[in-house]
Amino acid sequence: QRGVHDIEREIKFDGNDKMVAHDSEGFEAGHRNEVDVVTNFIETRSKVDDINLKLHLVWCVNFSVFHHQCFTVPVVAIITKFDSFVQDIQQKMEEDADEEGREIDDDELEEEANKEATDKFEKHYKQALQCLPHPPRAVVALADERLKTERNVYDLSTFFAIAQNADTRMKLSTSTTNGMFWNHDRPTVPLFRGGPFIDTWGTAWTAAPKGLARTLVQELETVLDDSWRLIGQRGDPNFSEIKDGNPNLATYCRWEQLVADTTLVMEKIYIHNIQDTDRLKSLISWYDEHSKTANYIRDEIMKLYRTRKRTGFEVPSGFTTEAVQPLVDIVCSRPLEAWPQEN
């Protein structure tokens, strides 16, 4: 039996004083009162002047409310059971192949089913939601098993952290721009991470005392600046391609990669309110070794490298916002990803 929830009651989390949650009773068919409670709460909090009382994100809301009303609160739309959707498409492909007398490899079938499911998700779900009068800030597809696993493994604060990823765009843009301003023409590593580059995030590591900032920079240098993932490093899968290419362009792209990596690590530090060295080291190591976002950054910048090489791009001699915009777009379009931190 479902418990009774007071939506006004604040839920706070140990070790993270930046986040307060409010839990509704949920929604059941035919229970209009439950919808009204949430609607009134969102509307009231949208109008308050005190930033500490404003809502900064709605994790889940009744679709009818989302479709017809607009509040000054970012919304993340979650499409569940994506794995079932893929299985249905795969089964249809198998049936079609049997009828036509075709043999199809299991791995190839799975790959094609995933591709078609993703295409249909983009066209019929994501685009449809984004065309609403008041579109969500982000649309995420989750497989049912993944959703169950993440609910078991991650605490509620991590789920909110995923959601908050959608609402840090301004900081991501500013940090990336500042990072390239200070590093676009840097001759050698380490990357310069002082000043407004990382100060943008306003974390415990970027405020006084200076010793904390030095600790942060040293950890970032140790892990990121010598990572095998770096474009042009021998461990990088694109090493041969880079070795025979334009060295100035490769160096410029490497700075872009380091600026992007640093910015996205800072985003995680900010969201999770990391204040101790052990958790800091754990996060940076996880990002370098396991994060899908880190691989996304490398792959997207390699696409930029190839396009620039093909079109005869010249590395800019000075900093311009136009030159940094492709990197800002890549960083701000990063995939939503939870850090599976140890509690």
C-alpha atoms as a PDB file:
ATOM      1  CA  GLN A   1       0.000   0.000   0.000  1.00  0.00           C
ATOM      2  CA  ARG A   2       1.293   3.423  -0.950  1.00  0.00           C
ATOM      3  CA  GLY A   3       2.239   5.786   1.862  1.00  0.00           C
ATOM      4  CA  VAL A   4       0.905   9.284   2.356  1.00  0.00           C
ATOM      5  CA  HIS A   5       3.279  12.052   1.276  1.00  0.00           C
ATOM      6  CA  ASP A   6       3.294  15.721   2.174  1.00  0.00           C
ATOM      7  CA  ILE A   7       4.589  17.520  -0.887  1.00  0.00           C
ATOM      8  CA  GLU A   8       5.605  20.535   1.223  1.00  0.00           C
ATOM      9  CA  ARG A   9       7.934  18.434   3.396  1.00  0.00           C
ATOM     10  CA  GLU A  10      11.597  18.911   2.496  1.00  0.00           C
ATOM     11  CA  ILE A  11      13.758  15.848   1.873  1.00  0.00           C
ATOM     12  CA  LYS A  12      17.438  16.599   2.458  1.00  0.00           C
ATOM     13  CA  PHE A  13      20.533  14.539   1.698  1.00  0.00           C
ATOM     14  CA  ASP A  14      23.607  13.975   3.837  1.00  0.00           C
ATOM     15  CA  GLY A  15      26.703  15.606   2.384  1.00  0.00           C
ATOM     16  CA  ASN A  16      24.822  17.697  -0.175  1.00  0.00           C
ATOM     17  CA  ASP A  17      23.273  20.867   1.183  1.00  0.00           C
ATOM     18  CA  LYS A  18      22.638  22.203  -2.337  1.00  0.00           C
ATOM     19  CA  MET A  19      19.705  19.897  -2.993  1.00  0.00           C
ATOM     20  CA  VAL A  20      16.255  19.622  -1.435  1.00  0.00           C
ATOM     21  CA  ALA A  21      13.580  17.289  -2.838  1.00  0.00           C
ATOM     22  CA  HIS A  22       9.799  17.228  -2.509  1.00  0.00           C
ATOM     23  CA  ASP A  23       7.891  13.964  -3.043  1.00  0.00           C
ATOM     24  CA  SER A  24       4.279  13.895  -4.246  1.00  0.00           C
ATOM     25  CA  GLU A  25       1.758  11.084  -3.796  1.00  0.00           C
ATOM     26  CA  GLY A  26       2.124  10.223  -7.466  1.00  0.00           C
ATOM     27  CA  PHE A  27      -0.748   9.961  -9.915  1.00  0.00           C
ATOM     28  CA  GLU A  28      -3.480   7.354 -10.227  1.00  0.00           C
ATOM     29  CA  ALA A  29      -6.165   7.183 -12.876  1.00  0.00           C
ATOM     30  CA  GLY A  30      -9.286   9.043 -11.802  1.00  0.00           C
ATOM     31  CA  HIS A  31      -7.647  10.797  -8.835  1.00  0.00           C
ATOM     32  CA  ARG A  32      -7.787  14.420  -9.949  1.00  0.00           C
ATOM     33  CA  ASN A  33      -6.916  15.725  -6.486  1.00  0.00           C
ATOM     34  CA  GLU A  34      -3.384  14.291  -6.689  1.00  0.00           C
ATOM     35  CA  VAL A  35      -2.766  16.125  -9.954  1.00  0.00           C
ATOM     36  CA  ASP A  36      -4.120  19.364  -8.478  1.00  0.00           C
ATOM     37  CA  VAL A  37      -1.797  19.114  -5.453  1.00  0.00           C
ATOM     38  CA  VAL A  38       1.273  18.858  -7.678  1.00  0.00           C
ATOM     39  CA  THR A  39       0.058  21.499 -10.142  1.00  0.00           C
ATOM     40  CA  ASN A  40      -0.652  23.998  -7.369  1.00  0.00           C
ATOM     41  CA  PHE A  41       2.705  23.278  -5.725  1.00  0.00           C
ATOM     42  CA  ILE A  42       4.621  23.857  -8.972  1.00  0.00           C
ATOM     43  CA  GLU A  43       2.664  27.012  -9.763  1.00  0.00           C
ATOM     44  CA  THR A  44       3.155  28.457  -6.269  1.00  0.00           C
ATOM     45  CA  ARG A  45       6.878  27.719  -6.187  1.00  0.00           C
ATOM     46  CA  SER A  46       7.306  29.163  -9.697  1.00  0.00           C
ATOM     47  CA  LYS A  47       6.114  32.556  -8.463  1.00  0.00           C
ATOM     48  CA  VAL A  48       8.167  32.922  -5.278  1.00  0.00           C
ATOM     49  CA  ASP A  49      11.065  35.402  -5.219  1.00  0.00           C
ATOM     50  CA  ASP A  50      13.286  33.458  -2.810  1.00  0.00           C
ATOM     51  CA  ILE A  51      15.615  31.321  -4.957  1.00  0.00           C
ATOM     52  CA  ASN A  52      15.889  28.778  -2.125  1.00  0.00           C
ATOM     53  CA  LEU A  53      12.155  28.093  -2.426  1.00  0.00           C
ATOM     54  CA  LYS A  54      11.964  27.986  -6.217  1.00  0.00           C
ATOM     55  CA  LEU A  55      11.813  24.621  -7.984  1.00  0.00           C
ATOM     56  CA  HIS A  56      14.812  24.004 -10.217  1.00  0.00           C
ATOM     57  CA  LEU A  57      13.697  20.739 -11.792  1.00  0.00           C
ATOM     58  CA  VAL A  58      10.637  18.482 -12.054  1.00  0.00           C
ATOM     59  CA  TRP A  59      11.690  14.843 -12.254  1.00  0.00           C
ATOM     60  CA  CYS A  60       8.285  13.455 -13.212  1.00  0.00           C
ATOM     61  CA  VAL A  61       4.937  15.104 -13.870  1.00  0.00           C
ATOM     62  CA  ASN A  62       1.546  14.070 -15.255  1.00  0.00           C
ATOM     63  CA  PHE A  63       1.665  14.385 -19.054  1.00  0.00           C
ATOM     64  CA  SER A  64      -1.561  16.373 -19.318  1.00  0.00           C
ATOM     65  CA  VAL A  65      -0.091  19.070 -17.058  1.00  0.00           C
ATOM     66  CA  PHE A  66       3.137  19.045 -19.051  1.00  0.00           C
ATOM     67  CA  HIS A  67       1.273  19.420 -22.360  1.00  0.00           C
ATOM     68  CA  HIS A  68      -0.953  22.364 -21.514  1.00  0.00           C
ATOM     69  CA  GLN A  69       0.827  24.425 -18.877  1.00  0.00           C
ATOM     70  CA  CYS A  70       4.163  26.177 -18.655  1.00  0.00           C
ATOM     71  CA  PHE A  71       6.071  26.788 -15.420  1.00  0.00           C
ATOM     72  CA  THR A  72       9.548  28.233 -14.962  1.00  0.00           C
ATOM     73  CA  VAL A  73      10.908  24.811 -14.017  1.00  0.00           C
ATOM     74  CA  PRO A  74      13.029  22.564 -16.303  1.00  0.00           C
ATOM     75  CA  VAL A  75      11.491  19.129 -16.976  1.00  0.00           C
ATOM     76  CA  VAL A  76      13.220  15.872 -17.910  1.00  0.00           C
ATOM     77  CA  ALA A  77      11.014  13.473 -19.904  1.00  0.00           C
ATOM     78  CA  ILE A  78      11.884   9.797 -19.354  1.00  0.00           C
ATOM     79  CA  ILE A  79      10.754   7.191 -21.894  1.00  0.00           C
ATOM     80  CA  THR A  80      10.901   3.746 -20.227  1.00  0.00           C
ATOM     81  CA  LYS A  81      10.857   0.146 -21.530  1.00  0.00           C
ATOM     82  CA  PHE A  82      13.126   0.961 -24.464  1.00  0.00           C
ATOM     83  CA  ASP A  83      14.482  -2.607 -24.387  1.00  0.00           C
ATOM     84  CA  SER A  84      10.975  -4.004 -24.970  1.00  0.00           C
ATOM     85  CA  PHE A  85      10.636  -1.652 -27.930  1.00  0.00           C
ATOM     86  CA  VAL A  86      13.894  -3.011 -29.398  1.00  0.00           C
ATOM     87  CA  GLN A  87      12.743  -6.619 -28.858  1.00  0.00           C
ATOM     88  CA  ASP A  88       9.462  -5.976 -30.672  1.00  0.00           C
ATOM     89  CA  ILE A  89      11.314  -4.537 -33.660  1.00  0.00           C
ATOM     90  CA  GLN A  90      13.825  -7.398 -33.634  1.00  0.00           C
ATOM     91  CA  GLN A  91      11.024  -9.976 -33.585  1.00  0.00           C
ATOM     92  CA  LYS A  92       9.337  -8.262 -36.555  1.00  0.00           C
ATOM     93  CA  MET A  93      12.633  -8.306 -38.470  1.00  0.00           C
ATOM     94  CA  GLU A  94      13.063 -12.031 -37.745  1.00  0.00           C
ATOM     95  CA  GLU A  95       9.535 -12.773 -38.969  1.00  0.00           C
ATOM     96  CA  ASP A  96      10.080 -10.762 -42.150  1.00  0.00           C
ATOM     97  CA  ALA A  97      13.373 -12.575 -42.811  1.00  0.00           C
ATOM     98  CA  ASP A  98      11.699 -15.986 -42.331  1.00  0.00           C
ATOM     99  CA  GLU A  99       8.895 -15.099 -44.748  1.00  0.00           C
ATOM    100  CA  GLU A 100      11.419 -13.999 -47.364  1.00  0.00           C
ATOM    101  CA  GLY A 101      13.648 -17.034 -46.787  1.00  0.00           C
ATOM    102  CA  ARG A 102      16.604 -14.883 -45.758  1.00  0.00           C
ATOM    103  CA  GLU A 103      19.218 -15.797 -43.173  1.00  0.00           C
ATOM    104  CA  ILE A 104      20.381 -13.002 -40.910  1.00  0.00           C
ATOM    105  CA  ASP A 105      23.223 -12.958 -38.392  1.00  0.00           C
ATOM    106  CA  ASP A 106      22.093 -12.540 -34.758  1.00  0.00           C
ATOM    107  CA  ASP A 107      24.576  -9.738 -34.059  1.00  0.00           C
ATOM    108  CA  GLU A 108      23.611  -7.956 -37.267  1.00  0.00           C
ATOM    109  CA  LEU A 109      19.933  -8.363 -36.417  1.00  0.00           C
ATOM    110  CA  GLU A 110      20.425  -6.904 -32.948  1.00  0.00           C
ATOM    111  CA  GLU A 111      22.411  -3.978 -34.349  1.00  0.00           C
ATOM    112  CA  GLU A 112      19.750  -3.208 -36.984  1.00  0.00           C
ATOM    113  CA  ALA A 113      16.946  -3.471 -34.408  1.00  0.00           C
ATOM    114  CA  ASN A 114      18.724  -1.060 -32.072  1.00  0.00           C
ATOM    115  CA  LYS A 115      19.313   1.387 -34.917  1.00  0.00           C
ATOM    116  CA  GLU A 116      15.684   1.282 -36.074  1.00  0.00           C
ATOM    117  CA  ALA A 117      14.410   1.625 -32.489  1.00  0.00           C
ATOM    118  CA  THR A 118      16.676   4.630 -31.925  1.00  0.00           C
ATOM    119  CA  ASP A 119      15.533   6.242 -35.184  1.00  0.00           C
ATOM    120  CA  LYS A 120      11.873   5.723 -34.280  1.00  0.00           C
ATOM    121  CA  PHE A 121      12.463   7.038 -30.755  1.00  0.00           C
ATOM    122  CA  GLU A 122      14.012  10.206 -32.189  1.00  0.00           C
ATOM    123  CA  LYS A 123      11.255  10.723 -34.771  1.00  0.00           C
ATOM    124  CA  HIS A 124       8.089   9.618 -32.983  1.00  0.00           C
ATOM    125  CA  TYR A 125       8.877  10.332 -29.319  1.00  0.00           C
ATOM    126  CA  LYS A 126      11.732  12.787 -28.817  1.00  0.00           C
ATOM    127  CA  GLN A 127      10.823  15.104 -31.694  1.00  0.00           C
ATOM    128  CA  ALA A 128       7.135  14.931 -30.792  1.00  0.00           C
ATOM    129  CA  LEU A 129       7.873  15.982 -27.214  1.00  0.00           C
ATOM    130  CA  GLN A 130      10.200  18.753 -28.318  1.00  0.00           C
ATOM    131  CA  CYS A 131       7.502  20.130 -30.639  1.00  0.00           C
ATOM    132  CA  LEU A 132       5.055  20.620 -27.754  1.00  0.00           C
ATOM    133  CA  PRO A 133       4.198  24.208 -26.762  1.00  0.00           C
ATOM    134  CA  HIS A 134       6.394  23.810 -23.654  1.00  0.00           C
ATOM    135  CA  PRO A 135       9.055  21.191 -24.484  1.00  0.00           C
ATOM    136  CA  PRO A 136      11.163  19.367 -21.870  1.00  0.00           C
ATOM    137  CA  ARG A 137      14.771  20.366 -21.201  1.00  0.00           C
ATOM    138  CA  ALA A 138      15.875  16.797 -21.961  1.00  0.00           C
ATOM    139  CA  VAL A 139      14.346  13.555 -23.280  1.00  0.00           C
ATOM    140  CA  VAL A 140      15.927  10.289 -22.103  1.00  0.00           C
ATOM    141  CA  ALA A 141      15.194   6.690 -23.150  1.00  0.00           C
ATOM    142  CA  LEU A 142      15.764   4.018 -20.497  1.00  0.00           C
ATOM    143  CA  ALA A 143      15.567   0.257 -20.794  1.00  0.00           C
ATOM    144  CA  ASP A 144      13.383  -1.330 -18.121  1.00  0.00           C
ATOM    145  CA  GLU A 145      16.225  -3.430 -16.696  1.00  0.00           C
ATOM    146  CA  ARG A 146      18.565  -0.443 -16.666  1.00  0.00           C
ATOM    147  CA  LEU A 147      15.932   1.608 -14.876  1.00  0.00           C
ATOM    148  CA  LYS A 148      15.474  -1.099 -12.229  1.00  0.00           C
ATOM    149  CA  THR A 149      19.230  -1.465 -11.791  1.00  0.00           C
ATOM    150  CA  GLU A 150      19.847   2.249 -11.448  1.00  0.00           C
ATOM    151  CA  ARG A 151      17.049   2.584  -8.923  1.00  0.00           C
ATOM    152  CA  ASN A 152      18.719  -0.143  -6.871  1.00  0.00           C
ATOM    153  CA  VAL A 153      22.331   0.979  -7.252  1.00  0.00           C
ATOM    154  CA  TYR A 154      22.070   4.761  -7.128  1.00  0.00           C
ATOM    155  CA  ASP A 155      20.532   6.748  -4.339  1.00  0.00           C
ATOM    156  CA  LEU A 156      17.913   9.404  -4.989  1.00  0.00           C
ATOM    157  CA  SER A 157      20.521  12.151  -5.025  1.00  0.00           C
ATOM    158  CA  THR A 158      22.212  10.536  -8.035  1.00  0.00           C
ATOM    159  CA  PHE A 159      18.936  10.468  -9.967  1.00  0.00           C
ATOM    160  CA  PHE A 160      18.540  14.166  -9.272  1.00  0.00           C
ATOM    161  CA  ALA A 161      22.154  14.661 -10.337  1.00  0.00           C
ATOM    162  CA  ILE A 162      21.348  13.129 -13.746  1.00  0.00           C
ATOM    163  CA  ALA A 163      18.443  15.511 -14.034  1.00  0.00           C
ATOM    164  CA  GLN A 164      20.515  18.511 -12.958  1.00  0.00           C
ATOM    165  CA  ASN A 165      22.882  17.758 -15.843  1.00  0.00           C
ATOM    166  CA  ALA A 166      20.223  19.291 -18.086  1.00  0.00           C
ATOM    167  CA  ASP A 167      20.307  22.612 -16.240  1.00  0.00           C
ATOM    168  CA  THR A 168      24.001  23.584 -16.206  1.00  0.00           C
ATOM    169  CA  ARG A 169      24.249  24.753 -19.812  1.00  0.00           C
ATOM    170  CA  MET A 170      25.332  28.306 -18.983  1.00  0.00           C
ATOM    171  CA  LYS A 171      28.180  27.125 -16.756  1.00  0.00           C
ATOM    172  CA  LEU A 172      29.244  24.563 -19.365  1.00  0.00           C
ATOM    173  CA  SER A 173      29.335  27.218 -22.072  1.00  0.00           C
ATOM    174  CA  THR A 174      31.194  29.774 -19.935  1.00  0.00           C
ATOM    175  CA  SER A 175      33.726  27.264 -18.611  1.00  0.00           C
ATOM    176  CA  THR A 176      34.469  25.883 -22.088  1.00  0.00           C
ATOM    177  CA  THR A 177      34.880  29.365 -23.557  1.00  0.00           C
ATOM    178  CA  ASN A 178      37.176  30.495 -20.736  1.00  0.00           C
ATOM    179  CA  GLY A 179      39.194  27.295 -20.997  1.00  0.00           C
ATOM    180  CA  MET A 180      39.898  27.820 -24.699  1.00  0.00           C
ATOM    181  CA  PHE A 181      40.629  31.514 -24.148  1.00  0.00           C
ATOM    182  CA  TRP A 182      43.523  30.598 -21.853  1.00  0.00           C
ATOM    183  CA  ASN A 183      44.709  27.498 -23.741  1.00  0.00           C
ATOM    184  CA  HIS A 184      44.007  27.825 -27.491  1.00  0.00           C
ATOM    185  CA  ASP A 185      47.642  28.704 -28.295  1.00  0.00           C
ATOM    186  CA  ARG A 186      49.365  26.863 -25.451  1.00  0.00           C
ATOM    187  CA  PRO A 187      52.534  25.101 -26.712  1.00  0.00           C
ATOM    188  CA  THR A 188      52.709  22.183 -24.254  1.00  0.00           C
ATOM    189  CA  VAL A 189      50.910  20.482 -21.375  1.00  0.00           C
ATOM    190  CA  PRO A 190      49.908  20.915 -18.610  1.00  0.00           C
ATOM    191  CA  LEU A 191      46.674  22.674 -19.408  1.00  0.00           C
ATOM    192  CA  PHE A 192      46.163  26.011 -17.656  1.00  0.00           C
ATOM    193  CA  ARG A 193      43.230  25.555 -15.267  1.00  0.00           C
ATOM    194  CA  GLY A 194      43.367  28.751 -13.246  1.00  0.00           C
ATOM    195  CA  GLY A 195      41.226  31.855 -13.173  1.00  0.00           C
ATOM    196  CA  PRO A 196      37.677  31.882 -14.510  1.00  0.00           C
ATOM    197  CA  PHE A 197      38.112  28.545 -16.339  1.00  0.00           C
ATOM    198  CA  ILE A 198      37.241  26.435 -13.291  1.00  0.00           C
ATOM    199  CA  ASP A 199      36.194  29.291 -10.982  1.00  0.00           C
ATOM    200  CA  THR A 200      32.980  29.425 -13.040  1.00  0.00           C
ATOM    201  CA  TRP A 201      31.692  26.444 -11.062  1.00  0.00           C
ATOM    202  CA  GLY A 202      31.967  28.053  -7.617  1.00  0.00           C
ATOM    203  CA  THR A 203      32.875  24.817  -5.831  1.00  0.00           C
ATOM    204  CA  ALA A 204      34.734  24.321  -2.555  1.00  0.00           C
ATOM    205  CA  TRP A 205      37.860  23.586  -4.626  1.00  0.00           C
ATOM    206  CA  THR A 206      37.779  26.870  -6.531  1.00  0.00           C
ATOM    207  CA  ALA A 207      37.187  29.139  -3.529  1.00  0.00           C
ATOM    208  CA  ALA A 208      39.663  29.984  -0.748  1.00  0.00           C
ATOM    209  CA  PRO A 209      41.926  28.540   0.565  1.00  0.00           C
ATOM    210  CA  LYS A 210      44.219  28.266  -2.444  1.00  0.00           C
ATOM    211  CA  GLY A 211      45.548  24.920  -1.247  1.00  0.00           C
ATOM    212  CA  LEU A 212      42.320  23.208  -2.281  1.00  0.00           C
ATOM    213  CA  ALA A 213      42.530  24.688  -5.769  1.00  0.00           C
ATOM    214  CA  ARG A 214      46.096  23.380  -6.110  1.00  0.00           C
ATOM    215  CA  THR A 215      44.952  19.915  -5.033  1.00  0.00           C
ATOM    216  CA  LEU A 216      42.188  19.940  -7.644  1.00  0.00           C
ATOM    217  CA  VAL A 217      44.493  21.112 -10.438  1.00  0.00           C
ATOM    218  CA  GLN A 218      47.157  18.543  -9.526  1.00  0.00           C
ATOM    219  CA  GLU A 219      44.632  15.696  -9.634  1.00  0.00           C
ATOM    220  CA  LEU A 220      43.277  16.870 -13.002  1.00  0.00           C
ATOM    221  CA  GLU A 221      46.804  17.181 -14.425  1.00  0.00           C
ATOM    222  CA  THR A 222      47.872  13.759 -13.143  1.00  0.00           C
ATOM    223  CA  VAL A 223      44.929  11.911 -14.699  1.00  0.00           C
ATOM    224  CA  LEU A 224      43.695  13.927 -17.688  1.00  0.00           C
ATOM    225  CA  ASP A 225      46.847  15.510 -19.118  1.00  0.00           C
ATOM    226  CA  ASP A 226      48.575  12.148 -19.628  1.00  0.00           C
ATOM    227  CA  SER A 227      45.519  10.031 -20.429  1.00  0.00           C
ATOM    228  CA  TRP A 228      45.716   7.344 -23.130  1.00  0.00           C
ATOM    229  CA  ARG A 229      42.429   8.810 -24.440  1.00  0.00           C
ATOM    230  CA  LEU A 230      44.120  12.018 -25.543  1.00  0.00           C
ATOM    231  CA  ILE A 231      44.075  12.603 -29.285  1.00  0.00           C
ATOM    232  CA  GLY A 232      47.555  11.762 -30.591  1.00  0.00           C
ATOM    233  CA  GLN A 233      48.606   9.584 -27.654  1.00  0.00           C
ATOM    234  CA  ARG A 234      49.942   6.130 -28.538  1.00  0.00           C
ATOM    235  CA  GLY A 235      47.078   4.431 -26.723  1.00  0.00           C
ATOM    236  CA  ASP A 236      44.478   6.417 -28.657  1.00  0.00           C
ATOM    237  CA  PRO A 237      42.729   4.295 -31.333  1.00  0.00           C
ATOM    238  CA  ASN A 238      43.225   7.152 -33.825  1.00  0.00           C
ATOM    239  CA  PHE A 239      46.982   7.428 -33.219  1.00  0.00           C
ATOM    240  CA  SER A 240      48.045   6.379 -36.743  1.00  0.00           C
ATOM    241  CA  GLU A 241      45.621   8.808 -38.351  1.00  0.00           C
ATOM    242  CA  ILE A 242      46.844  11.697 -36.199  1.00  0.00           C
ATOM    243  CA  LYS A 243      50.544  10.815 -36.590  1.00  0.00           C
ATOM    244  CA  ASP A 244      50.370  11.290 -40.354  1.00  0.00           C
ATOM    245  CA  GLY A 245      48.161  14.385 -40.220  1.00  0.00           C
ATOM    246  CA  ASN A 246      48.481  18.093 -39.462  1.00  0.00           C
ATOM    247  CA  PRO A 247      50.434  18.459 -36.169  1.00  0.00           C
ATOM    248  CA  ASN A 248      49.160  21.987 -35.438  1.00  0.00           C
ATOM    249  CA  LEU A 249      45.558  20.920 -35.937  1.00  0.00           C
ATOM    250  CA  ALA A 250      46.107  17.827 -33.771  1.00  0.00           C
ATOM    251  CA  THR A 251      47.517  19.985 -30.960  1.00  0.00           C
ATOM    252  CA  TYR A 252      44.570  22.399 -31.178  1.00  0.00           C
ATOM    253  CA  CYS A 253      42.082  19.507 -31.020  1.00  0.00           C
ATOM    254  CA  ARG A 254      43.966  18.056 -28.054  1.00  0.00           C
ATOM    255  CA  TRP A 255      43.496  21.334 -26.161  1.00  0.00           C
ATOM    256  CA  GLU A 256      39.807  21.225 -27.040  1.00  0.00           C
ATOM    257  CA  GLN A 257      39.587  17.702 -25.644  1.00  0.00           C
ATOM    258  CA  LEU A 258      41.333  18.649 -22.392  1.00  0.00           C
ATOM    259  CA  VAL A 259      39.192  21.757 -21.942  1.00  0.00           C
ATOM    260  CA  ALA A 260      36.032  19.707 -22.528  1.00  0.00           C
ATOM    261  CA  ASP A 261      37.151  16.924 -20.158  1.00  0.00           C
ATOM    262  CA  THR A 262      38.030  19.428 -17.437  1.00  0.00           C
ATOM    263  CA  THR A 263      34.717  21.252 -17.835  1.00  0.00           C
ATOM    264  CA  LEU A 264      32.678  18.049 -17.591  1.00  0.00           C
ATOM    265  CA  VAL A 265      34.598  16.824 -14.537  1.00  0.00           C
ATOM    266  CA  MET A 266      33.918  20.204 -12.914  1.00  0.00           C
ATOM    267  CA  GLU A 267      30.227  19.777 -13.708  1.00  0.00           C
ATOM    268  CA  LYS A 268      30.178  16.492 -11.770  1.00  0.00           C
ATOM    269  CA  ILE A 269      32.057  18.065  -8.847  1.00  0.00           C
ATOM    270  CA  TYR A 270      29.482  20.861  -8.800  1.00  0.00           C
ATOM    271  CA  ILE A 271      26.435  18.584  -9.057  1.00  0.00           C
ATOM    272  CA  HIS A 272      27.615  16.070  -6.447  1.00  0.00           C
ATOM    273  CA  ASN A 273      29.021  18.785  -4.158  1.00  0.00           C
ATOM    274  CA  ILE A 274      32.313  16.899  -3.778  1.00  0.00           C
ATOM    275  CA  GLN A 275      34.395  18.302  -0.939  1.00  0.00           C
ATOM    276  CA  ASP A 276      36.905  15.606   0.067  1.00  0.00           C
ATOM    277  CA  THR A 277      40.017  14.434  -1.757  1.00  0.00           C
ATOM    278  CA  ASP A 278      39.164  10.716  -1.886  1.00  0.00           C
ATOM    279  CA  ARG A 279      35.859  11.331  -3.669  1.00  0.00           C
ATOM    280  CA  LEU A 280      37.562  13.830  -5.961  1.00  0.00           C
ATOM    281  CA  LYS A 281      40.180  11.252  -6.997  1.00  0.00           C
ATOM    282  CA  SER A 282      37.495   8.601  -7.443  1.00  0.00           C
ATOM    283  CA  LEU A 283      35.442  10.841  -9.729  1.00  0.00           C
ATOM    284  CA  ILE A 284      38.369  11.916 -11.933  1.00  0.00           C
ATOM    285  CA  SER A 285      39.598   8.312 -12.296  1.00  0.00           C
ATOM    286  CA  TRP A 286      36.093   7.101 -13.151  1.00  0.00           C
ATOM    287  CA  TYR A 287      35.702   9.808 -15.792  1.00  0.00           C
ATOM    288  CA  ASP A 288      39.014   8.918 -17.441  1.00  0.00           C
ATOM    289  CA  GLU A 289      38.603   5.132 -17.319  1.00  0.00           C
ATOM    290  CA  HIS A 290      34.874   4.414 -17.558  1.00  0.00           C
ATOM    291  CA  SER A 291      32.835   7.451 -18.550  1.00  0.00           C
ATOM    292  CA  LYS A 292      30.888   7.244 -21.802  1.00  0.00           C
ATOM    293  CA  THR A 293      30.935  11.034 -21.839  1.00  0.00           C
ATOM    294  CA  ALA A 294      34.741  11.056 -22.076  1.00  0.00           C
ATOM    295  CA  ASN A 295      34.602   8.742 -25.098  1.00  0.00           C
ATOM    296  CA  TYR A 296      31.879  10.901 -26.631  1.00  0.00           C
ATOM    297  CA  ILE A 297      34.108  13.980 -26.314  1.00  0.00           C
ATOM    298  CA  ARG A 298      37.052  12.244 -27.988  1.00  0.00           C
ATOM    299  CA  ASP A 299      34.890  10.874 -30.822  1.00  0.00           C
ATOM    300  CA  GLU A 300      33.176  14.208 -31.515  1.00  0.00           C
ATOM    301  CA  ILE A 301      36.455  16.127 -31.557  1.00  0.00           C
ATOM    302  CA  MET A 302      37.923  13.529 -33.926  1.00  0.00           C
ATOM    303  CA  LYS A 303      34.984  14.232 -36.244  1.00  0.00           C
ATOM    304  CA  LEU A 304      35.893  17.915 -36.024  1.00  0.00           C
ATOM    305  CA  TYR A 305      39.531  17.072 -36.778  1.00  0.00           C
ATOM    306  CA  ARG A 306      38.586  15.137 -39.929  1.00  0.00           C
ATOM    307  CA  THR A 307      36.226  17.850 -41.160  1.00  0.00           C
ATOM    308  CA  ARG A 308      38.791  20.566 -40.543  1.00  0.00           C
ATOM    309  CA  LYS A 309      41.546  18.587 -42.251  1.00  0.00           C
ATOM    310  CA  ARG A 310      39.344  17.946 -45.277  1.00  0.00           C
ATOM    311  CA  THR A 311      38.274  21.592 -45.607  1.00  0.00           C
ATOM    312  CA  GLY A 312      41.727  23.097 -45.079  1.00  0.00           C
ATOM    313  CA  PHE A 313      40.912  24.632 -41.695  1.00  0.00           C
ATOM    314  CA  GLU A 314      43.618  26.926 -40.344  1.00  0.00           C
ATOM    315  CA  VAL A 315      44.237  26.960 -36.601  1.00  0.00           C
ATOM    316  CA  PRO A 316      43.272  30.468 -35.420  1.00  0.00           C
ATOM    317  CA  SER A 317      46.176  32.660 -34.356  1.00  0.00           C
ATOM    318  CA  GLY A 318      44.010  34.425 -31.771  1.00  0.00           C
ATOM    319  CA  PHE A 319      40.972  33.611 -29.675  1.00  0.00           C
ATOM    320  CA  THR A 320      37.494  34.158 -31.118  1.00  0.00           C
ATOM    321  CA  THR A 321      34.098  33.058 -29.836  1.00  0.00           C
ATOM    322  CA  GLU A 322      33.283  31.781 -33.341  1.00  0.00           C
ATOM    323  CA  ALA A 323      36.240  29.400 -33.231  1.00  0.00           C
ATOM    324  CA  VAL A 324      35.234  27.959 -29.853  1.00  0.00           C
ATOM    325  CA  GLN A 325      31.523  27.561 -30.671  1.00  0.00           C
ATOM    326  CA  PRO A 326      31.796  24.018 -32.143  1.00  0.00           C
ATOM    327  CA  LEU A 327      33.405  22.852 -28.892  1.00  0.00           C
ATOM    328  CA  VAL A 328      30.756  24.603 -26.781  1.00  0.00           C
ATOM    329  CA  ASP A 329      28.066  22.808 -28.808  1.00  0.00           C
ATOM    330  CA  ILE A 330      29.756  19.436 -28.270  1.00  0.00           C
ATOM    331  CA  VAL A 331      30.117  19.970 -24.511  1.00  0.00           C
ATOM    332  CA  CYS A 332      26.548  21.209 -24.055  1.00  0.00           C
ATOM    333  CA  SER A 333      25.230  18.197 -26.014  1.00  0.00           C
ATOM    334  CA  ARG A 334      27.050  15.654 -23.818  1.00  0.00           C
ATOM    335  CA  PRO A 335      25.089  12.506 -22.928  1.00  0.00           C
ATOM    336  CA  LEU A 336      23.347  12.397 -19.556  1.00  0.00           C
ATOM    337  CA  GLU A 337      25.344  10.019 -17.389  1.00  0.00           C
ATOM    338  CA  ALA A 338      25.297   9.117 -13.709  1.00  0.00           C
ATOM    339  CA  TRP A 339      28.483   8.720 -11.697  1.00  0.00           C
ATOM    340  CA  PRO A 340      28.125   5.350  -9.889  1.00  0.00           C
ATOM    341  CA  GLN A 341      29.711   6.717  -6.749  1.00  0.00           C
ATOM    342  CA  GLU A 342      30.371   4.564  -3.714  1.00  0.00           C
ATOM    343  CA  ASN A 343      28.112   5.525  -0.811  1.00  0.00           C
END
